Amino acid sequence: MRTALRTALALVALVGTTTASVATATAAGAATAAASPTSSSCVATKTVPSVFGGWKVKLVNSADRGASAKLLDARGRVVSVVDQSRPLDSANGLRITGVLSAKPVFGQRSEGGPTPWKSTAFPLLSADCTQSGRLVRTLRLDSRTVAQIFKVSAGHYQARVYQGGLLVRFVDAHGRAGVALFGSRTLVLNPDGTTVTWTGAKTAAAPRLGRYKLANGAVVKLVKRSGVYGAQLTTGHGTFPVTYAKGRPSVQQDDVTLVVLGADGTLSGYVYGRPLRAPLYLGA
């Protein structure tokens, strides 16, 4: 196994005209494959009866979006939704307490005034999908987007990404890198708390399977097994094992090359010291 070859200082937050976000990135050797949290999607759901007879409420707890609840009528049609953008719907008797907390609680009632709320706990997420730790810094990625970086312990960092004040992604880096893809941006969080972020340089969703070339000539092979996309990176230092993006994106990196695979098959590449360029399809 190759040891880490260098620590690079990347100035790669590029949005519209170039804006800068300084990110110190430690890149692991080619025999070390970095992956996303062990939970496949960081989403937990359950359905509970509504206080309105014959209706139901679908509860969703998501690391990327926080808690949400959908009130469904007897035909399954959505009557109302409460989430981080609107945690209280007084008219329909719905509310969420601690919408972005580790233990959100859903409340419902059929009448207003002094009528007590009936409380139901949301399903819990696993530890690697739950924000914890101490806030150590905040990165401004563009005019609407910030990333809060939390230190959980040595070799374990987490990040929450907000756009327009709303949570849009969660990243866990515990002994290996974690990654978020949102819009045109890619954010890689290393287990030492360093980050690399860039915009563009990625394929459209569900691209063709086969080989892709990065800006430095490194090759990524995109595969699919049982409906799940996988990627295998080959650089001058060797070939990574295939990593799969089941629900969460994965990342592989050597000293100068990063390639990120989204659950939808999106490939995003970054090479230190090279212009940003989307992976180029070479063929099967």
C-alpha atoms as a PDB file:
ATOM      1  CA  MET A   1       0.000   0.000   0.000  1.00  0.00           C
ATOM      2  CA  ARG A   2       1.376   3.385  -0.899  1.00  0.00           C
ATOM      3  CA  THR A   3       1.491   5.982   1.852  1.00  0.00           C
ATOM      4  CA  ALA A   4       0.157   9.484   1.344  1.00  0.00           C
ATOM      5  CA  LEU A   5       2.375  11.183  -1.200  1.00  0.00           C
ATOM      6  CA  ARG A   6       1.718  14.828  -0.567  1.00  0.00           C
ATOM      7  CA  THR A   7      -0.477  17.485   0.943  1.00  0.00           C
ATOM      8  CA  ALA A   8      -1.718  19.864  -1.721  1.00  0.00           C
ATOM      9  CA  LEU A   9      -3.202  23.311  -1.330  1.00  0.00           C
ATOM     10  CA  ALA A  10      -6.095  23.571  -3.748  1.00  0.00           C
ATOM     11  CA  LEU A  11      -7.698  26.843  -4.748  1.00  0.00           C
ATOM     12  CA  VAL A  12     -10.642  25.372  -6.571  1.00  0.00           C
ATOM     13  CA  ALA A  13     -14.001  26.895  -5.708  1.00  0.00           C
ATOM     14  CA  LEU A  14     -15.062  28.016  -9.186  1.00  0.00           C
ATOM     15  CA  VAL A  15     -18.517  29.482  -9.635  1.00  0.00           C
ATOM     16  CA  GLY A  16     -19.391  31.579 -12.713  1.00  0.00           C
ATOM     17  CA  THR A  17     -16.405  33.882 -12.683  1.00  0.00           C
ATOM     18  CA  THR A  18     -13.677  32.365 -10.529  1.00  0.00           C
ATOM     19  CA  THR A  19     -14.159  32.646  -6.784  1.00  0.00           C
ATOM     20  CA  ALA A  20     -11.753  31.069  -4.321  1.00  0.00           C
ATOM     21  CA  SER A  21     -12.135  28.608  -1.487  1.00  0.00           C
ATOM     22  CA  VAL A  22      -8.832  27.423  -0.073  1.00  0.00           C
ATOM     23  CA  ALA A  23      -8.859  23.710   0.683  1.00  0.00           C
ATOM     24  CA  THR A  24      -5.942  21.674   1.991  1.00  0.00           C
ATOM     25  CA  ALA A  25      -6.317  18.152   0.698  1.00  0.00           C
ATOM     26  CA  THR A  26      -4.428  15.074   1.854  1.00  0.00           C
ATOM     27  CA  ALA A  27      -4.513  12.471  -0.909  1.00  0.00           C
ATOM     28  CA  ALA A  28      -4.096   8.794  -0.124  1.00  0.00           C
ATOM     29  CA  GLY A  29      -2.042   6.311  -2.162  1.00  0.00           C
ATOM     30  CA  ALA A  30      -3.565   4.399  -5.048  1.00  0.00           C
ATOM     31  CA  ALA A  31      -4.079   1.210  -3.077  1.00  0.00           C
ATOM     32  CA  THR A  32      -6.361   3.007  -0.629  1.00  0.00           C
ATOM     33  CA  ALA A  33      -9.933   3.402  -1.855  1.00  0.00           C
ATOM     34  CA  ALA A  34     -12.020   6.048  -0.128  1.00  0.00           C
ATOM     35  CA  ALA A  35     -15.762   5.623   0.184  1.00  0.00           C
ATOM     36  CA  SER A  36     -18.881   7.279   1.557  1.00  0.00           C
ATOM     37  CA  PRO A  37     -20.615   6.358   4.835  1.00  0.00           C
ATOM     38  CA  THR A  38     -21.504   2.706   5.299  1.00  0.00           C
ATOM     39  CA  SER A  39     -25.230   3.470   5.317  1.00  0.00           C
ATOM     40  CA  SER A  40     -26.440   3.144   1.750  1.00  0.00           C
ATOM     41  CA  SER A  41     -28.589   6.256   1.677  1.00  0.00           C
ATOM     42  CA  CYS A  42     -28.758   7.904   5.137  1.00  0.00           C
ATOM     43  CA  VAL A  43     -32.561   7.930   4.919  1.00  0.00           C
ATOM     44  CA  ALA A  44     -34.995   6.227   7.303  1.00  0.00           C
ATOM     45  CA  THR A  45     -38.774   6.116   6.814  1.00  0.00           C
ATOM     46  CA  LYS A  46     -41.893   4.866   8.524  1.00  0.00           C
ATOM     47  CA  THR A  47     -45.636   5.383   8.137  1.00  0.00           C
ATOM     48  CA  VAL A  48     -47.937   6.080  11.083  1.00  0.00           C
ATOM     49  CA  PRO A  49     -51.718   6.547  11.379  1.00  0.00           C
ATOM     50  CA  SER A  50     -53.028  10.078  11.154  1.00  0.00           C
ATOM     51  CA  VAL A  51     -55.283  11.542  13.839  1.00  0.00           C
ATOM     52  CA  PHE A  52     -57.742  11.999  10.977  1.00  0.00           C
ATOM     53  CA  GLY A  53     -59.414   8.597  10.598  1.00  0.00           C
ATOM     54  CA  GLY A  54     -58.323   6.578   7.567  1.00  0.00           C
ATOM     55  CA  TRP A  55     -55.440   8.916   6.735  1.00  0.00           C
ATOM     56  CA  LYS A  56     -51.721   8.281   7.190  1.00  0.00           C
ATOM     57  CA  VAL A  57     -48.495  10.211   7.731  1.00  0.00           C
ATOM     58  CA  LYS A  58     -45.224   9.251   6.042  1.00  0.00           C
ATOM     59  CA  LEU A  59     -42.213  10.196   8.172  1.00  0.00           C
ATOM     60  CA  VAL A  60     -38.813  10.581   6.498  1.00  0.00           C
ATOM     61  CA  ASN A  61     -35.569  11.244   8.358  1.00  0.00           C
ATOM     62  CA  SER A  62     -32.782  12.228   5.963  1.00  0.00           C
ATOM     63  CA  ALA A  63     -29.199  13.214   6.758  1.00  0.00           C
ATOM     64  CA  ASP A  64     -29.207  15.396   3.627  1.00  0.00           C
ATOM     65  CA  ARG A  65     -32.548  17.137   4.126  1.00  0.00           C
ATOM     66  CA  GLY A  66     -33.572  16.738   7.755  1.00  0.00           C
ATOM     67  CA  ALA A  67     -36.920  15.398   8.910  1.00  0.00           C
ATOM     68  CA  SER A  68     -40.117  15.695   6.869  1.00  0.00           C
ATOM     69  CA  ALA A  69     -43.682  14.433   7.200  1.00  0.00           C
ATOM     70  CA  LYS A  70     -46.363  14.004   4.518  1.00  0.00           C
ATOM     71  CA  LEU A  71     -50.034  13.856   5.442  1.00  0.00           C
ATOM     72  CA  LEU A  72     -51.774  11.437   3.055  1.00  0.00           C
ATOM     73  CA  ASP A  73     -55.522  11.111   2.619  1.00  0.00           C
ATOM     74  CA  ALA A  74     -57.390   7.813   2.226  1.00  0.00           C
ATOM     75  CA  ARG A  75     -56.445   7.680  -1.481  1.00  0.00           C
ATOM     76  CA  GLY A  76     -52.772   8.336  -0.785  1.00  0.00           C
ATOM     77  CA  ARG A  77     -52.849  11.910  -2.037  1.00  0.00           C
ATOM     78  CA  VAL A  78     -50.579  14.426  -0.320  1.00  0.00           C
ATOM     79  CA  VAL A  79     -52.608  16.889   1.768  1.00  0.00           C
ATOM     80  CA  SER A  80     -49.743  18.708   3.487  1.00  0.00           C
ATOM     81  CA  VAL A  81     -45.995  18.538   4.052  1.00  0.00           C
ATOM     82  CA  VAL A  82     -43.897  19.793   6.951  1.00  0.00           C
ATOM     83  CA  ASP A  83     -40.104  19.909   6.705  1.00  0.00           C
ATOM     84  CA  GLN A  84     -37.137  22.186   7.437  1.00  0.00           C
ATOM     85  CA  SER A  85     -38.591  24.968   5.269  1.00  0.00           C
ATOM     86  CA  ARG A  86     -41.963  24.787   7.061  1.00  0.00           C
ATOM     87  CA  PRO A  87     -41.828  22.777  10.319  1.00  0.00           C
ATOM     88  CA  LEU A  88     -45.324  23.851  11.447  1.00  0.00           C
ATOM     89  CA  ASP A  89     -48.685  23.596   9.672  1.00  0.00           C
ATOM     90  CA  SER A  90     -51.243  24.842  12.195  1.00  0.00           C
ATOM     91  CA  ALA A  91     -54.181  24.475   9.809  1.00  0.00           C
ATOM     92  CA  ASN A  92     -53.646  20.725   9.420  1.00  0.00           C
ATOM     93  CA  GLY A  93     -52.268  20.112  12.894  1.00  0.00           C
ATOM     94  CA  LEU A  94     -48.745  19.059  11.890  1.00  0.00           C
ATOM     95  CA  ARG A  95     -45.368  20.017  13.317  1.00  0.00           C
ATOM     96  CA  ILE A  96     -41.779  18.785  13.629  1.00  0.00           C
ATOM     97  CA  THR A  97     -39.670  19.539  16.678  1.00  0.00           C
ATOM     98  CA  GLY A  98     -35.906  19.420  16.101  1.00  0.00           C
ATOM     99  CA  VAL A  99     -36.217  19.106  12.332  1.00  0.00           C
ATOM    100  CA  LEU A 100     -32.413  18.990  11.852  1.00  0.00           C
ATOM    101  CA  SER A 101     -31.558  17.328  15.163  1.00  0.00           C
ATOM    102  CA  ALA A 102     -30.415  13.763  15.802  1.00  0.00           C
ATOM    103  CA  LYS A 103     -33.811  12.904  17.297  1.00  0.00           C
ATOM    104  CA  PRO A 104     -36.613  14.823  15.548  1.00  0.00           C
ATOM    105  CA  VAL A 105     -40.163  14.392  16.834  1.00  0.00           C
ATOM    106  CA  PHE A 106     -43.382  14.565  14.810  1.00  0.00           C
ATOM    107  CA  GLY A 107     -46.478  16.059  16.404  1.00  0.00           C
ATOM    108  CA  GLN A 108     -50.067  15.986  15.174  1.00  0.00           C
ATOM    109  CA  ARG A 109     -53.517  16.936  16.434  1.00  0.00           C
ATOM    110  CA  SER A 110     -56.997  17.177  14.941  1.00  0.00           C
ATOM    111  CA  GLU A 111     -57.995  20.422  16.688  1.00  0.00           C
ATOM    112  CA  GLY A 112     -56.229  23.612  17.690  1.00  0.00           C
ATOM    113  CA  GLY A 113     -56.322  25.578  20.917  1.00  0.00           C
ATOM    114  CA  PRO A 114     -55.358  23.629  24.048  1.00  0.00           C
ATOM    115  CA  THR A 115     -55.655  20.235  22.353  1.00  0.00           C
ATOM    116  CA  PRO A 116     -52.460  18.292  23.202  1.00  0.00           C
ATOM    117  CA  TRP A 117     -50.105  17.180  20.465  1.00  0.00           C
ATOM    118  CA  LYS A 118     -49.684  13.469  19.826  1.00  0.00           C
ATOM    119  CA  SER A 119     -45.922  12.899  19.500  1.00  0.00           C
ATOM    120  CA  THR A 120     -44.101  10.264  17.458  1.00  0.00           C
ATOM    121  CA  ALA A 121     -40.320   9.902  17.212  1.00  0.00           C
ATOM    122  CA  PHE A 122     -38.842   9.788  13.730  1.00  0.00           C
ATOM    123  CA  PRO A 123     -36.835   6.660  12.851  1.00  0.00           C
ATOM    124  CA  LEU A 124     -33.217   7.135  13.895  1.00  0.00           C
ATOM    125  CA  LEU A 125     -30.280   7.249  11.502  1.00  0.00           C
ATOM    126  CA  SER A 126     -27.048   5.334  12.030  1.00  0.00           C
ATOM    127  CA  ALA A 127     -24.111   7.079  13.722  1.00  0.00           C
ATOM    128  CA  ASP A 128     -22.310   7.736  10.422  1.00  0.00           C
ATOM    129  CA  CYS A 129     -25.440   9.452   9.107  1.00  0.00           C
ATOM    130  CA  THR A 130     -26.037  11.646  12.174  1.00  0.00           C
ATOM    131  CA  GLN A 131     -24.348  15.006  12.644  1.00  0.00           C
ATOM    132  CA  SER A 132     -22.239  15.191  15.801  1.00  0.00           C
ATOM    133  CA  GLY A 133     -19.027  16.764  17.002  1.00  0.00           C
ATOM    134  CA  ARG A 134     -17.796  20.332  17.388  1.00  0.00           C
ATOM    135  CA  LEU A 135     -18.061  23.001  14.688  1.00  0.00           C
ATOM    136  CA  VAL A 136     -14.509  23.927  13.710  1.00  0.00           C
ATOM    137  CA  ARG A 137     -15.001  26.126  10.645  1.00  0.00           C
ATOM    138  CA  THR A 138     -17.429  27.293   7.992  1.00  0.00           C
ATOM    139  CA  LEU A 139     -16.534  27.394   4.285  1.00  0.00           C
ATOM    140  CA  ARG A 140     -18.325  29.804   1.982  1.00  0.00           C
ATOM    141  CA  LEU A 141     -18.538  28.011  -1.341  1.00  0.00           C
ATOM    142  CA  ASP A 142     -20.507  30.692  -3.189  1.00  0.00           C
ATOM    143  CA  SER A 143     -23.001  33.461  -2.483  1.00  0.00           C
ATOM    144  CA  ARG A 144     -25.728  30.963  -1.504  1.00  0.00           C
ATOM    145  CA  THR A 145     -23.776  27.952  -0.280  1.00  0.00           C
ATOM    146  CA  VAL A 146     -21.822  27.276   2.908  1.00  0.00           C
ATOM    147  CA  ALA A 147     -20.368  24.107   4.417  1.00  0.00           C
ATOM    148  CA  GLN A 148     -20.054  23.670   8.167  1.00  0.00           C
ATOM    149  CA  ILE A 149     -17.188  21.351   9.163  1.00  0.00           C
ATOM    150  CA  PHE A 150     -17.476  19.410  12.435  1.00  0.00           C
ATOM    151  CA  LYS A 151     -14.747  17.473  14.254  1.00  0.00           C
ATOM    152  CA  VAL A 152     -16.082  14.304  15.866  1.00  0.00           C
ATOM    153  CA  SER A 153     -12.702  12.821  16.839  1.00  0.00           C
ATOM    154  CA  ALA A 154      -9.226  12.271  15.401  1.00  0.00           C
ATOM    155  CA  GLY A 155      -9.715  10.869  11.899  1.00  0.00           C
ATOM    156  CA  HIS A 156     -13.449  11.587  11.937  1.00  0.00           C
ATOM    157  CA  TYR A 157     -15.004  14.751  10.504  1.00  0.00           C
ATOM    158  CA  GLN A 158     -18.443  15.599   9.203  1.00  0.00           C
ATOM    159  CA  ALA A 159     -19.889  18.402   7.084  1.00  0.00           C
ATOM    160  CA  ARG A 160     -23.270  19.937   6.525  1.00  0.00           C
ATOM    161  CA  VAL A 161     -23.892  21.889   3.331  1.00  0.00           C
ATOM    162  CA  TYR A 162     -26.512  24.650   3.275  1.00  0.00           C
ATOM    163  CA  GLN A 163     -27.922  26.525   0.292  1.00  0.00           C
ATOM    164  CA  GLY A 164     -30.110  29.532   0.919  1.00  0.00           C
ATOM    165  CA  GLY A 165     -30.128  28.602   4.606  1.00  0.00           C
ATOM    166  CA  LEU A 166     -31.503  25.083   4.009  1.00  0.00           C
ATOM    167  CA  LEU A 167     -29.595  21.843   4.553  1.00  0.00           C
ATOM    168  CA  VAL A 168     -28.949  20.118   1.191  1.00  0.00           C
ATOM    169  CA  ARG A 169     -26.166  17.581   1.894  1.00  0.00           C
ATOM    170  CA  PHE A 170     -24.451  15.712   4.724  1.00  0.00           C
ATOM    171  CA  VAL A 171     -20.948  14.225   4.526  1.00  0.00           C
ATOM    172  CA  ASP A 172     -19.236  11.780   6.911  1.00  0.00           C
ATOM    173  CA  ALA A 173     -15.478  11.142   6.701  1.00  0.00           C
ATOM    174  CA  HIS A 174     -14.533   8.487   9.251  1.00  0.00           C
ATOM    175  CA  GLY A 175     -11.143   6.982   8.484  1.00  0.00           C
ATOM    176  CA  ARG A 176     -11.797   7.554   4.779  1.00  0.00           C
ATOM    177  CA  ALA A 177     -13.036  10.419   2.633  1.00  0.00           C
ATOM    178  CA  GLY A 178     -16.675  11.351   2.213  1.00  0.00           C
ATOM    179  CA  VAL A 179     -18.202  13.364  -0.614  1.00  0.00           C
ATOM    180  CA  ALA A 180     -21.246  15.365  -1.648  1.00  0.00           C
ATOM    181  CA  LEU A 181     -22.540  16.138  -5.140  1.00  0.00           C
ATOM    182  CA  PHE A 182     -25.093  18.937  -5.419  1.00  0.00           C
ATOM    183  CA  GLY A 183     -25.937  20.917  -8.505  1.00  0.00           C
ATOM    184  CA  SER A 184     -22.713  21.540 -10.419  1.00  0.00           C
ATOM    185  CA  ARG A 185     -20.516  21.307  -7.309  1.00  0.00           C
ATOM    186  CA  THR A 186     -18.471  18.515  -5.784  1.00  0.00           C
ATOM    187  CA  LEU A 187     -17.203  18.626  -2.195  1.00  0.00           C
ATOM    188  CA  VAL A 188     -14.728  16.065  -0.835  1.00  0.00           C
ATOM    189  CA  LEU A 189     -14.154  15.906   2.930  1.00  0.00           C
ATOM    190  CA  ASN A 190     -11.067  14.039   4.151  1.00  0.00           C
ATOM    191  CA  PRO A 191     -10.903  12.302   7.552  1.00  0.00           C
ATOM    192  CA  ASP A 192      -8.381  14.891   8.766  1.00  0.00           C
ATOM    193  CA  GLY A 193     -10.925  17.662   8.144  1.00  0.00           C
ATOM    194  CA  THR A 194      -9.372  19.046   4.955  1.00  0.00           C
ATOM    195  CA  THR A 195     -11.568  19.649   1.938  1.00  0.00           C
ATOM    196  CA  VAL A 196     -11.429  19.939  -1.837  1.00  0.00           C
ATOM    197  CA  THR A 197     -14.283  21.530  -3.764  1.00  0.00           C
ATOM    198  CA  TRP A 198     -14.875  22.333  -7.411  1.00  0.00           C
ATOM    199  CA  THR A 199     -17.660  23.071  -9.876  1.00  0.00           C
ATOM    200  CA  GLY A 200     -18.270  21.448 -13.231  1.00  0.00           C
ATOM    201  CA  ALA A 201     -15.926  18.753 -14.578  1.00  0.00           C
ATOM    202  CA  LYS A 202     -18.556  16.035 -14.388  1.00  0.00           C
ATOM    203  CA  THR A 203     -20.689  13.907 -16.665  1.00  0.00           C
ATOM    204  CA  ALA A 204     -24.468  13.971 -16.919  1.00  0.00           C
ATOM    205  CA  ALA A 205     -26.444  11.498 -14.837  1.00  0.00           C
ATOM    206  CA  ALA A 206     -26.587   7.874 -16.040  1.00  0.00           C
ATOM    207  CA  PRO A 207     -23.729   8.136 -18.566  1.00  0.00           C
ATOM    208  CA  ARG A 208     -22.638   5.247 -20.786  1.00  0.00           C
ATOM    209  CA  LEU A 209     -20.807   2.389 -19.102  1.00  0.00           C
ATOM    210  CA  GLY A 210     -17.160   2.013 -20.047  1.00  0.00           C
ATOM    211  CA  ARG A 211     -13.886   3.874 -19.744  1.00  0.00           C
ATOM    212  CA  TYR A 212     -13.431   7.624 -19.177  1.00  0.00           C
ATOM    213  CA  LYS A 213     -10.233   9.693 -19.305  1.00  0.00           C
ATOM    214  CA  LEU A 214      -9.450  12.461 -16.812  1.00  0.00           C
ATOM    215  CA  ALA A 215      -7.431  15.616 -17.497  1.00  0.00           C
ATOM    216  CA  ASN A 216      -4.095  13.941 -16.612  1.00  0.00           C
ATOM    217  CA  GLY A 217      -4.726  10.756 -18.593  1.00  0.00           C
ATOM    218  CA  ALA A 218      -5.945   8.700 -15.635  1.00  0.00           C
ATOM    219  CA  VAL A 219      -8.729   6.306 -16.609  1.00  0.00           C
ATOM    220  CA  VAL A 220     -11.979   5.603 -14.797  1.00  0.00           C
ATOM    221  CA  LYS A 221     -14.030   2.541 -15.647  1.00  0.00           C
ATOM    222  CA  LEU A 222     -17.757   2.925 -14.994  1.00  0.00           C
ATOM    223  CA  VAL A 223     -19.598  -0.329 -14.287  1.00  0.00           C
ATOM    224  CA  LYS A 224     -22.999  -1.338 -12.988  1.00  0.00           C
ATOM    225  CA  ARG A 225     -23.975  -4.336 -10.859  1.00  0.00           C
ATOM    226  CA  SER A 226     -27.454  -5.168  -9.583  1.00  0.00           C
ATOM    227  CA  GLY A 227     -28.588  -1.663 -10.507  1.00  0.00           C
ATOM    228  CA  VAL A 228     -25.761   0.047  -8.582  1.00  0.00           C
ATOM    229  CA  TYR A 229     -23.029   2.076 -10.300  1.00  0.00           C
ATOM    230  CA  GLY A 230     -19.370   1.396  -9.542  1.00  0.00           C
ATOM    231  CA  ALA A 231     -16.115   3.050 -10.584  1.00  0.00           C
ATOM    232  CA  GLN A 232     -12.528   1.855 -10.863  1.00  0.00           C
ATOM    233  CA  LEU A 233      -9.711   4.402 -11.102  1.00  0.00           C
ATOM    234  CA  THR A 234      -6.372   3.621 -12.748  1.00  0.00           C
ATOM    235  CA  THR A 235      -3.477   6.093 -12.471  1.00  0.00           C
ATOM    236  CA  GLY A 236       0.287   5.870 -12.844  1.00  0.00           C
ATOM    237  CA  HIS A 237       0.406   4.558  -9.282  1.00  0.00           C
ATOM    238  CA  GLY A 238      -1.832   1.548  -9.891  1.00  0.00           C
ATOM    239  CA  THR A 239      -5.476   0.510 -10.010  1.00  0.00           C
ATOM    240  CA  PHE A 240      -8.058   0.975  -7.286  1.00  0.00           C
ATOM    241  CA  PRO A 241     -10.562  -1.722  -6.438  1.00  0.00           C
ATOM    242  CA  VAL A 242     -14.070  -0.970  -7.729  1.00  0.00           C
ATOM    243  CA  THR A 243     -16.129   1.156  -5.343  1.00  0.00           C
ATOM    244  CA  TYR A 244     -19.919   1.315  -5.577  1.00  0.00           C
ATOM    245  CA  ALA A 245     -22.182   4.278  -4.884  1.00  0.00           C
ATOM    246  CA  LYS A 246     -25.229   2.685  -3.306  1.00  0.00           C
ATOM    247  CA  GLY A 247     -27.366   5.615  -2.272  1.00  0.00           C
ATOM    248  CA  ARG A 248     -24.342   7.740  -1.338  1.00  0.00           C
ATOM    249  CA  PRO A 249     -21.523   8.946  -3.607  1.00  0.00           C
ATOM    250  CA  SER A 250     -18.023   7.467  -3.358  1.00  0.00           C
ATOM    251  CA  VAL A 251     -14.562   8.939  -3.970  1.00  0.00           C
ATOM    252  CA  GLN A 252     -11.189   7.514  -4.999  1.00  0.00           C
ATOM    253  CA  GLN A 253      -7.969   9.513  -4.915  1.00  0.00           C
ATOM    254  CA  ASP A 254      -4.219   9.302  -5.277  1.00  0.00           C
ATOM    255  CA  ASP A 255      -1.655  12.084  -4.858  1.00  0.00           C
ATOM    256  CA  VAL A 256      -3.015  14.303  -7.670  1.00  0.00           C
ATOM    257  CA  THR A 257      -6.249  12.713  -8.891  1.00  0.00           C
ATOM    258  CA  LEU A 258      -9.753  12.602  -7.446  1.00  0.00           C
ATOM    259  CA  VAL A 259     -12.752  10.939  -9.034  1.00  0.00           C
ATOM    260  CA  VAL A 260     -16.214  11.018  -7.506  1.00  0.00           C
ATOM    261  CA  LEU A 261     -19.063   8.689  -8.425  1.00  0.00           C
ATOM    262  CA  GLY A 262     -22.659   9.657  -7.712  1.00  0.00           C
ATOM    263  CA  ALA A 263     -25.436   7.171  -7.051  1.00  0.00           C
ATOM    264  CA  ASP A 264     -26.939   8.160 -10.420  1.00  0.00           C
ATOM    265  CA  GLY A 265     -23.723   7.248 -12.260  1.00  0.00           C
ATOM    266  CA  THR A 266     -22.417  10.820 -12.457  1.00  0.00           C
ATOM    267  CA  LEU A 267     -18.608  10.982 -12.659  1.00  0.00           C
ATOM    268  CA  SER A 268     -16.839  14.093 -11.384  1.00  0.00           C
ATOM    269  CA  GLY A 269     -13.082  14.491 -11.734  1.00  0.00           C
ATOM    270  CA  TYR A 270     -10.416  16.828 -10.373  1.00  0.00           C
ATOM    271  CA  VAL A 271      -6.680  16.810 -11.042  1.00  0.00           C
ATOM    272  CA  TYR A 272      -4.341  19.071  -9.060  1.00  0.00           C
ATOM    273  CA  GLY A 273      -2.646  21.638 -11.283  1.00  0.00           C
ATOM    274  CA  ARG A 274      -4.764  20.868 -14.359  1.00  0.00           C
ATOM    275  CA  PRO A 275      -7.719  22.761 -15.864  1.00  0.00           C
ATOM    276  CA  LEU A 276     -11.105  21.402 -14.883  1.00  0.00           C
ATOM    277  CA  ARG A 277     -12.511  19.050 -17.520  1.00  0.00           C
ATOM    278  CA  ALA A 278     -15.345  16.550 -17.473  1.00  0.00           C
ATOM    279  CA  PRO A 279     -14.303  12.886 -17.822  1.00  0.00           C
ATOM    280  CA  LEU A 280     -14.053  12.060 -21.540  1.00  0.00           C
ATOM    281  CA  TYR A 281     -15.731   8.857 -22.741  1.00  0.00           C
ATOM    282  CA  LEU A 282     -13.282   6.461 -24.431  1.00  0.00           C
ATOM    283  CA  GLY A 283     -15.555   3.525 -25.106  1.00  0.00           C
ATOM    284  CA  ALA A 284     -16.574   0.239 -23.520  1.00  0.00           C
END
